Amino acid sequence: MIMTYHPERNDVKWQGKVVDYLTRYECEVQFEKTDGTIRNMKCTLQENVVPATKGTGKVKSPTVLTVFDTEKQGWRTIKFDKVIDFAVQNEYIRSPN
């Protein structure tokens, strides 16, 4: 099977737009995981949704997107070059279960 990745996934301007959307909305990202499986993840970077963090002290890689998984309630990392699809899902905050 030939994987079709998002055509703008390595475009720095598009990556900036993705981060901007994530800071305002819950979004869904479809991507290929390191093990080769495909994952659909609802995630956000909204300050009022993500838990307070201290940071890891690591230098942030420009090729990696770190997001908060709103369904599994944890931080996840996605390689931009493995993004298949990206969509804004909700303009509201998911209520905690």
PDB file of N, CA and C in Angstrom:
ATOM      1  N   MET A   1       0.838  -1.192   0.000  1.00  0.00           N
ATOM      2  CA  MET A   1       0.000   0.000   0.000  1.00  0.00           C
ATOM      3  C   MET A   1       0.877   1.249   0.000  1.00  0.00           C
ATOM      4  N   ILE A   2       0.573   2.185  -0.860  1.00  0.00           N
ATOM      5  CA  ILE A   2       1.303   3.447  -0.928  1.00  0.00           C
ATOM      6  C   ILE A   2       0.570   4.471  -0.069  1.00  0.00           C
ATOM      7  N   MET A   3       1.297   5.053   0.862  1.00  0.00           N
ATOM      8  CA  MET A   3       0.721   6.032   1.781  1.00  0.00           C
ATOM      9  C   MET A   3       0.687   7.406   1.116  1.00  0.00           C
ATOM     10  N   THR A   4      -0.441   8.098   1.231  1.00  0.00           N
ATOM     11  CA  THR A   4      -0.563   9.457   0.724  1.00  0.00           C
ATOM     12  C   THR A   4      -0.581  10.404   1.915  1.00  0.00           C
ATOM     13  N   TYR A   5       0.481  11.172   2.056  1.00  0.00           N
ATOM     14  CA  TYR A   5       0.601  12.109   3.171  1.00  0.00           C
ATOM     15  C   TYR A   5       0.043  13.469   2.774  1.00  0.00           C
ATOM     16  N   HIS A   6      -0.231  14.302   3.768  1.00  0.00           N
ATOM     17  CA  HIS A   6      -0.744  15.648   3.515  1.00  0.00           C
ATOM     18  C   HIS A   6       0.277  16.397   2.659  1.00  0.00           C
ATOM     19  N   PRO A   7      -0.171  17.031   1.564  1.00  0.00           N
ATOM     20  CA  PRO A   7       0.777  17.669   0.645  1.00  0.00           C
ATOM     21  C   PRO A   7       1.557  18.838   1.245  1.00  0.00           C
ATOM     22  N   GLU A   8       1.030  19.474   2.289  1.00  0.00           N
ATOM     23  CA  GLU A   8       1.707  20.635   2.888  1.00  0.00           C
ATOM     24  C   GLU A   8       2.417  20.304   4.198  1.00  0.00           C
ATOM     25  N   ARG A   9       2.510  19.034   4.530  1.00  0.00           N
ATOM     26  CA  ARG A   9       3.003  18.630   5.855  1.00  0.00           C
ATOM     27  C   ARG A   9       4.395  19.151   6.204  1.00  0.00           C
ATOM     28  N   ASN A  10       5.249  19.383   5.213  1.00  0.00           N
ATOM     29  CA  ASN A  10       6.609  19.864   5.472  1.00  0.00           C
ATOM     30  C   ASN A  10       6.771  21.360   5.201  1.00  0.00           C
ATOM     31  N   ASP A  11       5.655  22.044   4.961  1.00  0.00           N
ATOM     32  CA  ASP A  11       5.658  23.485   4.719  1.00  0.00           C
ATOM     33  C   ASP A  11       5.582  24.202   6.067  1.00  0.00           C
ATOM     34  N   VAL A  12       6.582  24.987   6.384  1.00  0.00           N
ATOM     35  CA  VAL A  12       6.668  25.663   7.683  1.00  0.00           C
ATOM     36  C   VAL A  12       5.467  26.580   7.919  1.00  0.00           C
ATOM     37  N   LYS A  13       4.996  27.250   6.874  1.00  0.00           N
ATOM     38  CA  LYS A  13       3.832  28.141   7.009  1.00  0.00           C
ATOM     39  C   LYS A  13       2.586  27.334   7.392  1.00  0.00           C
ATOM     40  N   TRP A  14       2.368  26.200   6.733  1.00  0.00           N
ATOM     41  CA  TRP A  14       1.229  25.330   7.056  1.00  0.00           C
ATOM     42  C   TRP A  14       1.353  24.791   8.480  1.00  0.00           C
ATOM     43  N   GLN A  15       2.539  24.396   8.879  1.00  0.00           N
ATOM     44  CA  GLN A  15       2.765  23.892  10.235  1.00  0.00           C
ATOM     45  C   GLN A  15       2.395  24.955  11.266  1.00  0.00           C
ATOM     46  N   GLY A  16       2.721  26.204  10.984  1.00  0.00           N
ATOM     47  CA  GLY A  16       2.354  27.306  11.876  1.00  0.00           C
ATOM     48  C   GLY A  16       0.846  27.469  11.980  1.00  0.00           C
ATOM     49  N   LYS A  17       0.146  27.293  10.848  1.00  0.00           N
ATOM     50  CA  LYS A  17      -1.321  27.368  10.859  1.00  0.00           C
ATOM     51  C   LYS A  17      -1.908  26.241  11.700  1.00  0.00           C
ATOM     52  N   VAL A  18      -1.329  25.048  11.599  1.00  0.00           N
ATOM     53  CA  VAL A  18      -1.797  23.905  12.389  1.00  0.00           C
ATOM     54  C   VAL A  18      -1.685  24.226  13.881  1.00  0.00           C
ATOM     55  N   VAL A  19      -0.542  24.740  14.289  1.00  0.00           N
ATOM     56  CA  VAL A  19      -0.349  25.094  15.703  1.00  0.00           C
ATOM     57  C   VAL A  19      -1.344  26.170  16.120  1.00  0.00           C
ATOM     58  N   ASP A  20      -1.578  27.163  15.253  1.00  0.00           N
ATOM     59  CA  ASP A  20      -2.539  28.219  15.551  1.00  0.00           C
ATOM     60  C   ASP A  20      -3.945  27.646  15.756  1.00  0.00           C
ATOM     61  N   TYR A  21      -4.378  26.767  14.847  1.00  0.00           N
ATOM     62  CA  TYR A  21      -5.696  26.134  15.001  1.00  0.00           C
ATOM     63  C   TYR A  21      -5.767  25.333  16.296  1.00  0.00           C
ATOM     64  N   LEU A  22      -4.702  24.603  16.608  1.00  0.00           N
ATOM     65  CA  LEU A  22      -4.697  23.776  17.819  1.00  0.00           C
ATOM     66  C   LEU A  22      -4.783  24.614  19.091  1.00  0.00           C
ATOM     67  N   THR A  23      -4.265  25.835  19.080  1.00  0.00           N
ATOM     68  CA  THR A  23      -4.344  26.679  20.269  1.00  0.00           C
ATOM     69  C   THR A  23      -5.749  27.237  20.474  1.00  0.00           C
ATOM     70  N   ARG A  24      -6.590  27.166  19.413  1.00  0.00           N
ATOM     71  CA  ARG A  24      -7.951  27.709  19.506  1.00  0.00           C
ATOM     72  C   ARG A  24      -9.053  26.661  19.465  1.00  0.00           C
ATOM     73  N   TYR A  25      -8.770  25.488  18.900  1.00  0.00           N
ATOM     74  CA  TYR A  25      -9.811  24.485  18.673  1.00  0.00           C
ATOM     75  C   TYR A  25      -9.341  23.077  19.023  1.00  0.00           C
ATOM     76  N   GLU A  26     -10.319  22.182  19.100  1.00  0.00           N
ATOM     77  CA  GLU A  26     -10.005  20.757  19.129  1.00  0.00           C
ATOM     78  C   GLU A  26      -9.922  20.338  17.664  1.00  0.00           C
ATOM     79  N   CYS A  27      -8.889  19.616  17.306  1.00  0.00           N
ATOM     80  CA  CYS A  27      -8.668  19.220  15.917  1.00  0.00           C
ATOM     81  C   CYS A  27      -8.477  17.713  15.845  1.00  0.00           C
ATOM     82  N   GLU A  28      -8.595  17.185  14.633  1.00  0.00           N
ATOM     83  CA  GLU A  28      -8.319  15.769  14.431  1.00  0.00           C
ATOM     84  C   GLU A  28      -7.160  15.638  13.459  1.00  0.00           C
ATOM     85  N   VAL A  29      -6.180  14.840  13.866  1.00  0.00           N
ATOM     86  CA  VAL A  29      -5.012  14.598  13.040  1.00  0.00           C
ATOM     87  C   VAL A  29      -4.973  13.114  12.714  1.00  0.00           C
ATOM     88  N   GLN A  30      -4.820  12.800  11.439  1.00  0.00           N
ATOM     89  CA  GLN A  30      -4.601  11.416  11.032  1.00  0.00           C
ATOM     90  C   GLN A  30      -3.133  11.332  10.638  1.00  0.00           C
ATOM     91  N   PHE A  31      -2.435  10.346  11.194  1.00  0.00           N
ATOM     92  CA  PHE A  31      -1.010  10.241  10.926  1.00  0.00           C
ATOM     93  C   PHE A  31      -0.556   8.789  11.000  1.00  0.00           C
ATOM     94  N   GLU A  32       0.615   8.551  10.444  1.00  0.00           N
ATOM     95  CA  GLU A  32       1.224   7.225  10.515  1.00  0.00           C
ATOM     96  C   GLU A  32       2.138   7.186  11.730  1.00  0.00           C
ATOM     97  N   LYS A  33       1.891   6.229  12.606  1.00  0.00           N
ATOM     98  CA  LYS A  33       2.716   6.062  13.799  1.00  0.00           C
ATOM     99  C   LYS A  33       4.057   5.424  13.417  1.00  0.00           C
ATOM    100  N   THR A  34       4.996   5.464  14.331  1.00  0.00           N
ATOM    101  CA  THR A  34       6.323   4.894  14.094  1.00  0.00           C
ATOM    102  C   THR A  34       6.262   3.425  13.719  1.00  0.00           C
ATOM    103  N   ASP A  35       5.274   2.697  14.285  1.00  0.00           N
ATOM    104  CA  ASP A  35       5.159   1.265  13.988  1.00  0.00           C
ATOM    105  C   ASP A  35       4.456   0.986  12.656  1.00  0.00           C
ATOM    106  N   GLY A  36       4.065   2.057  11.926  1.00  0.00           N
ATOM    107  CA  GLY A  36       3.442   1.901  10.616  1.00  0.00           C
ATOM    108  C   GLY A  36       1.923   1.884  10.632  1.00  0.00           C
ATOM    109  N   THR A  37       1.305   1.854  11.811  1.00  0.00           N
ATOM    110  CA  THR A  37      -0.152   1.880  11.886  1.00  0.00           C
ATOM    111  C   THR A  37      -0.656   3.309  11.717  1.00  0.00           C
ATOM    112  N   ILE A  38      -1.922   3.427  11.313  1.00  0.00           N
ATOM    113  CA  ILE A  38      -2.550   4.734  11.113  1.00  0.00           C
ATOM    114  C   ILE A  38      -3.375   5.068  12.348  1.00  0.00           C
ATOM    115  N   ARG A  39      -3.278   6.292  12.806  1.00  0.00           N
ATOM    116  CA  ARG A  39      -4.023   6.723  13.994  1.00  0.00           C
ATOM    117  C   ARG A  39      -4.773   8.003  13.697  1.00  0.00           C
ATOM    118  N   ASN A  40      -6.016   8.078  14.170  1.00  0.00           N
ATOM    119  CA  ASN A  40      -6.807   9.309  14.165  1.00  0.00           C
ATOM    120  C   ASN A  40      -6.853   9.802  15.601  1.00  0.00           C
ATOM    121  N   MET A  41      -6.423  11.022  15.830  1.00  0.00           N
ATOM    122  CA  MET A  41      -6.368  11.534  17.189  1.00  0.00           C
ATOM    123  C   MET A  41      -7.030  12.900  17.269  1.00  0.00           C
ATOM    124  N   LYS A  42      -7.920  13.056  18.247  1.00  0.00           N
ATOM    125  CA  LYS A  42      -8.502  14.362  18.564  1.00  0.00           C
ATOM    126  C   LYS A  42      -7.560  15.000  19.577  1.00  0.00           C
ATOM    127  N   CYS A  43      -7.157  16.233  19.283  1.00  0.00           N
ATOM    128  CA  CYS A  43      -6.150  16.866  20.129  1.00  0.00           C
ATOM    129  C   CYS A  43      -6.315  18.378  20.129  1.00  0.00           C
ATOM    130  N   THR A  44      -5.591  19.032  21.030  1.00  0.00           N
ATOM    131  CA  THR A  44      -5.659  20.481  21.147  1.00  0.00           C
ATOM    132  C   THR A  44      -4.406  21.000  21.826  1.00  0.00           C
ATOM    133  N   LEU A  45      -4.258  22.314  21.797  1.00  0.00           N
ATOM    134  CA  LEU A  45      -3.250  23.029  22.577  1.00  0.00           C
ATOM    135  C   LEU A  45      -3.922  24.183  23.331  1.00  0.00           C
ATOM    136  N   GLN A  46      -5.258  24.127  23.461  1.00  0.00           N
ATOM    137  CA  GLN A  46      -5.997  25.179  24.163  1.00  0.00           C
ATOM    138  C   GLN A  46      -5.525  25.243  25.618  1.00  0.00           C
ATOM    139  N   GLU A  47      -5.133  26.435  26.060  1.00  0.00           N
ATOM    140  CA  GLU A  47      -4.604  26.602  27.413  1.00  0.00           C
ATOM    141  C   GLU A  47      -5.586  26.170  28.493  1.00  0.00           C
ATOM    142  N   ASN A  48      -6.884  26.362  28.258  1.00  0.00           N
ATOM    143  CA  ASN A  48      -7.872  26.010  29.277  1.00  0.00           C
ATOM    144  C   ASN A  48      -8.237  24.525  29.254  1.00  0.00           C
ATOM    145  N   VAL A  49      -7.609  23.740  28.372  1.00  0.00           N
ATOM    146  CA  VAL A  49      -7.871  22.305  28.296  1.00  0.00           C
ATOM    147  C   VAL A  49      -6.660  21.496  28.749  1.00  0.00           C
ATOM    148  N   VAL A  50      -5.483  21.911  28.317  1.00  0.00           N
ATOM    149  CA  VAL A  50      -4.278  21.146  28.639  1.00  0.00           C
ATOM    150  C   VAL A  50      -3.865  21.372  30.086  1.00  0.00           C
ATOM    151  N   PRO A  51      -3.271  20.356  30.718  1.00  0.00           N
ATOM    152  CA  PRO A  51      -2.816  20.523  32.105  1.00  0.00           C
ATOM    153  C   PRO A  51      -1.591  21.433  32.164  1.00  0.00           C
ATOM    154  N   ALA A  52      -1.385  22.022  33.328  1.00  0.00           N
ATOM    155  CA  ALA A  52      -0.198  22.854  33.525  1.00  0.00           C
ATOM    156  C   ALA A  52       1.045  21.980  33.370  1.00  0.00           C
ATOM    157  N   THR A  53       2.030  22.508  32.696  1.00  0.00           N
ATOM    158  CA  THR A  53       3.266  21.752  32.478  1.00  0.00           C
ATOM    159  C   THR A  53       4.470  22.593  32.868  1.00  0.00           C
ATOM    160  N   LYS A  54       5.535  21.910  33.209  1.00  0.00           N
ATOM    161  CA  LYS A  54       6.777  22.580  33.572  1.00  0.00           C
ATOM    162  C   LYS A  54       7.764  22.565  32.412  1.00  0.00           C
ATOM    163  N   GLY A  55       7.499  21.727  31.422  1.00  0.00           N
ATOM    164  CA  GLY A  55       8.443  21.583  30.320  1.00  0.00           C
ATOM    165  C   GLY A  55       9.440  20.486  30.634  1.00  0.00           C
ATOM    166  N   THR A  56      10.064  19.964  29.610  1.00  0.00           N
ATOM    167  CA  THR A  56      11.004  18.861  29.797  1.00  0.00           C
ATOM    168  C   THR A  56      12.436  19.331  29.798  1.00  0.00           C
ATOM    169  N   GLY A  57      12.654  20.563  29.358  1.00  0.00           N
ATOM    170  CA  GLY A  57      14.014  21.057  29.243  1.00  0.00           C
ATOM    171  C   GLY A  57      14.649  20.700  27.908  1.00  0.00           C
ATOM    172  N   LYS A  58      13.961  19.883  27.126  1.00  0.00           N
ATOM    173  CA  LYS A  58      14.474  19.495  25.810  1.00  0.00           C
ATOM    174  C   LYS A  58      14.204  20.609  24.802  1.00  0.00           C
ATOM    175  N   VAL A  59      15.082  20.721  23.840  1.00  0.00           N
ATOM    176  CA  VAL A  59      14.889  21.682  22.753  1.00  0.00           C
ATOM    177  C   VAL A  59      13.827  21.112  21.819  1.00  0.00           C
ATOM    178  N   LYS A  60      12.841  21.942  21.484  1.00  0.00           N
ATOM    179  CA  LYS A  60      11.737  21.509  20.626  1.00  0.00           C
ATOM    180  C   LYS A  60      12.227  21.342  19.190  1.00  0.00           C
ATOM    181  N   SER A  61      11.937  20.206  18.609  1.00  0.00           N
ATOM    182  CA  SER A  61      12.302  19.945  17.222  1.00  0.00           C
ATOM    183  C   SER A  61      11.265  20.572  16.296  1.00  0.00           C
ATOM    184  N   PRO A  62      11.696  21.269  15.244  1.00  0.00           N
ATOM    185  CA  PRO A  62      10.731  21.870  14.310  1.00  0.00           C
ATOM    186  C   PRO A  62      10.018  20.828  13.445  1.00  0.00           C
ATOM    187  N   THR A  63      10.470  19.589  13.463  1.00  0.00           N
ATOM    188  CA  THR A  63       9.849  18.544  12.640  1.00  0.00           C
ATOM    189  C   THR A  63       8.801  17.749  13.397  1.00  0.00           C
ATOM    190  N   VAL A  64       8.601  18.099  14.673  1.00  0.00           N
ATOM    191  CA  VAL A  64       7.696  17.345  15.542  1.00  0.00           C
ATOM    192  C   VAL A  64       6.638  18.268  16.130  1.00  0.00           C
ATOM    193  N   LEU A  65       5.419  17.760  16.210  1.00  0.00           N
ATOM    194  CA  LEU A  65       4.294  18.480  16.798  1.00  0.00           C
ATOM    195  C   LEU A  65       3.899  17.782  18.094  1.00  0.00           C
ATOM    196  N   THR A  66       3.921  18.508  19.200  1.00  0.00           N
ATOM    197  CA  THR A  66       3.490  17.956  20.487  1.00  0.00           C
ATOM    198  C   THR A  66       2.107  18.509  20.792  1.00  0.00           C
ATOM    199  N   VAL A  67       1.155  17.601  21.048  1.00  0.00           N
ATOM    200  CA  VAL A  67      -0.239  17.985  21.272  1.00  0.00           C
ATOM    201  C   VAL A  67      -0.799  17.247  22.483  1.00  0.00           C
ATOM    202  N   PHE A  68      -1.957  17.724  22.962  1.00  0.00           N
ATOM    203  CA  PHE A  68      -2.644  17.053  24.060  1.00  0.00           C
ATOM    204  C   PHE A  68      -3.800  16.246  23.486  1.00  0.00           C
ATOM    205  N   ASP A  69      -3.760  14.929  23.650  1.00  0.00           N
ATOM    206  CA  ASP A  69      -4.806  14.007  23.180  1.00  0.00           C
ATOM    207  C   ASP A  69      -6.013  14.175  24.094  1.00  0.00           C
ATOM    208  N   THR A  70      -7.126  14.695  23.551  1.00  0.00           N
ATOM    209  CA  THR A  70      -8.295  15.001  24.382  1.00  0.00           C
ATOM    210  C   THR A  70      -9.100  13.762  24.767  1.00  0.00           C
ATOM    211  N   GLU A  71      -8.886  12.651  24.084  1.00  0.00           N
ATOM    212  CA  GLU A  71      -9.603  11.419  24.437  1.00  0.00           C
ATOM    213  C   GLU A  71      -8.818  10.583  25.446  1.00  0.00           C
ATOM    214  N   LYS A  72      -7.497  10.522  25.273  1.00  0.00           N
ATOM    215  CA  LYS A  72      -6.671   9.728  26.191  1.00  0.00           C
ATOM    216  C   LYS A  72      -6.087  10.567  27.321  1.00  0.00           C
ATOM    217  N   GLN A  73      -6.339  11.882  27.254  1.00  0.00           N
ATOM    218  CA  GLN A  73      -5.908  12.822  28.293  1.00  0.00           C
ATOM    219  C   GLN A  73      -4.405  12.725  28.572  1.00  0.00           C
ATOM    220  N   GLY A  74      -3.628  12.830  27.505  1.00  0.00           N
ATOM    221  CA  GLY A  74      -2.180  12.788  27.666  1.00  0.00           C
ATOM    222  C   GLY A  74      -1.476  13.465  26.507  1.00  0.00           C
ATOM    223  N   TRP A  75      -0.224  13.808  26.716  1.00  0.00           N
ATOM    224  CA  TRP A  75       0.586  14.446  25.685  1.00  0.00           C
ATOM    225  C   TRP A  75       1.057  13.414  24.676  1.00  0.00           C
ATOM    226  N   ARG A  76       1.037  13.777  23.394  1.00  0.00           N
ATOM    227  CA  ARG A  76       1.474  12.904  22.309  1.00  0.00           C
ATOM    228  C   ARG A  76       2.332  13.707  21.337  1.00  0.00           C
ATOM    229  N   THR A  77       3.203  13.003  20.648  1.00  0.00           N
ATOM    230  CA  THR A  77       4.086  13.622  19.670  1.00  0.00           C
ATOM    231  C   THR A  77       3.807  13.050  18.292  1.00  0.00           C
ATOM    232  N   ILE A  78       3.748  13.921  17.308  1.00  0.00           N
ATOM    233  CA  ILE A  78       3.487  13.536  15.916  1.00  0.00           C
ATOM    234  C   ILE A  78       4.608  14.112  15.055  1.00  0.00           C
ATOM    235  N   LYS A  79       5.140  13.303  14.168  1.00  0.00           N
ATOM    236  CA  LYS A  79       6.119  13.809  13.209  1.00  0.00           C
ATOM    237  C   LYS A  79       5.338  14.457  12.066  1.00  0.00           C
ATOM    238  N   PHE A  80       5.652  15.731  11.786  1.00  0.00           N
ATOM    239  CA  PHE A  80       4.934  16.437  10.718  1.00  0.00           C
ATOM    240  C   PHE A  80       4.977  15.670   9.400  1.00  0.00           C
ATOM    241  N   ASP A  81       6.101  15.025   9.093  1.00  0.00           N
ATOM    242  CA  ASP A  81       6.209  14.352   7.795  1.00  0.00           C
ATOM    243  C   ASP A  81       5.387  13.077   7.711  1.00  0.00           C
ATOM    244  N   LYS A  82       4.720  12.693   8.813  1.00  0.00           N
ATOM    245  CA  LYS A  82       3.850  11.516   8.812  1.00  0.00           C
ATOM    246  C   LYS A  82       2.364  11.879   8.874  1.00  0.00           C
ATOM    247  N   VAL A  83       2.048  13.196   8.785  1.00  0.00           N
ATOM    248  CA  VAL A  83       0.649  13.648   8.820  1.00  0.00           C
ATOM    249  C   VAL A  83      -0.037  13.307   7.496  1.00  0.00           C
ATOM    250  N   ILE A  84      -1.182  12.644   7.615  1.00  0.00           N
ATOM    251  CA  ILE A  84      -1.986  12.266   6.451  1.00  0.00           C
ATOM    252  C   ILE A  84      -3.114  13.266   6.246  1.00  0.00           C
ATOM    253  N   ASP A  85      -3.767  13.668   7.351  1.00  0.00           N
ATOM    254  CA  ASP A  85      -4.885  14.602   7.256  1.00  0.00           C
ATOM    255  C   ASP A  85      -4.978  15.414   8.534  1.00  0.00           C
ATOM    256  N   PHE A  86      -5.516  16.625   8.418  1.00  0.00           N
ATOM    257  CA  PHE A  86      -5.703  17.515   9.557  1.00  0.00           C
ATOM    258  C   PHE A  86      -7.005  18.248   9.364  1.00  0.00           C
ATOM    259  N   ALA A  87      -7.842  18.312  10.409  1.00  0.00           N
ATOM    260  CA  ALA A  87      -9.117  19.023  10.314  1.00  0.00           C
ATOM    261  C   ALA A  87      -9.491  19.618  11.661  1.00  0.00           C
ATOM    262  N   VAL A  88     -10.056  20.824  11.617  1.00  0.00           N
ATOM    263  CA  VAL A  88     -10.600  21.448  12.820  1.00  0.00           C
ATOM    264  C   VAL A  88     -11.911  20.735  13.118  1.00  0.00           C
ATOM    265  N   GLN A  89     -12.090  20.283  14.358  1.00  0.00           N
ATOM    266  CA  GLN A  89     -13.286  19.541  14.740  1.00  0.00           C
ATOM    267  C   GLN A  89     -14.297  20.384  15.495  1.00  0.00           C
ATOM    268  N   ASN A  90     -13.858  21.018  16.541  1.00  0.00           N
ATOM    269  CA  ASN A  90     -14.798  21.702  17.435  1.00  0.00           C
ATOM    270  C   ASN A  90     -14.273  23.055  17.849  1.00  0.00           C
ATOM    271  N   GLU A  91     -15.182  24.012  17.906  1.00  0.00           N
ATOM    272  CA  GLU A  91     -14.843  25.333  18.406  1.00  0.00           C
ATOM    273  C   GLU A  91     -15.187  25.425  19.898  1.00  0.00           C
ATOM    274  N   TYR A  92     -15.514  24.299  20.486  1.00  0.00           N
ATOM    275  CA  TYR A  92     -15.852  24.282  21.899  1.00  0.00           C
ATOM    276  C   TYR A  92     -14.877  23.386  22.622  1.00  0.00           C
ATOM    277  N   ILE A  93     -14.922  23.448  23.914  1.00  0.00           N
ATOM    278  CA  ILE A  93     -14.031  22.652  24.747  1.00  0.00           C
ATOM    279  C   ILE A  93     -14.718  21.348  25.092  1.00  0.00           C
ATOM    280  N   ARG A  94     -14.010  20.262  24.886  1.00  0.00           N
ATOM    281  CA  ARG A  94     -14.547  18.937  25.258  1.00  0.00           C
ATOM    282  C   ARG A  94     -14.658  18.883  26.782  1.00  0.00           C
ATOM    283  N   SER A  95     -15.824  18.490  27.275  1.00  0.00           N
ATOM    284  CA  SER A  95     -15.995  18.396  28.722  1.00  0.00           C
ATOM    285  C   SER A  95     -15.335  17.126  29.242  1.00  0.00           C
ATOM    286  N   PRO A  96     -14.658  17.213  30.388  1.00  0.00           N
ATOM    287  CA  PRO A  96     -14.011  16.019  30.927  1.00  0.00           C
ATOM    288  C   PRO A  96     -15.038  14.991  31.371  1.00  0.00           C
ATOM    289  N   ASN A  97     -14.734  13.733  31.154  1.00  0.00           N
ATOM    290  CA  ASN A  97     -15.663  12.642  31.547  1.00  0.00           C
ATOM    291  C   ASN A  97     -15.384  12.168  32.942  1.00  0.00           C
TER     292      ASN A  97
END
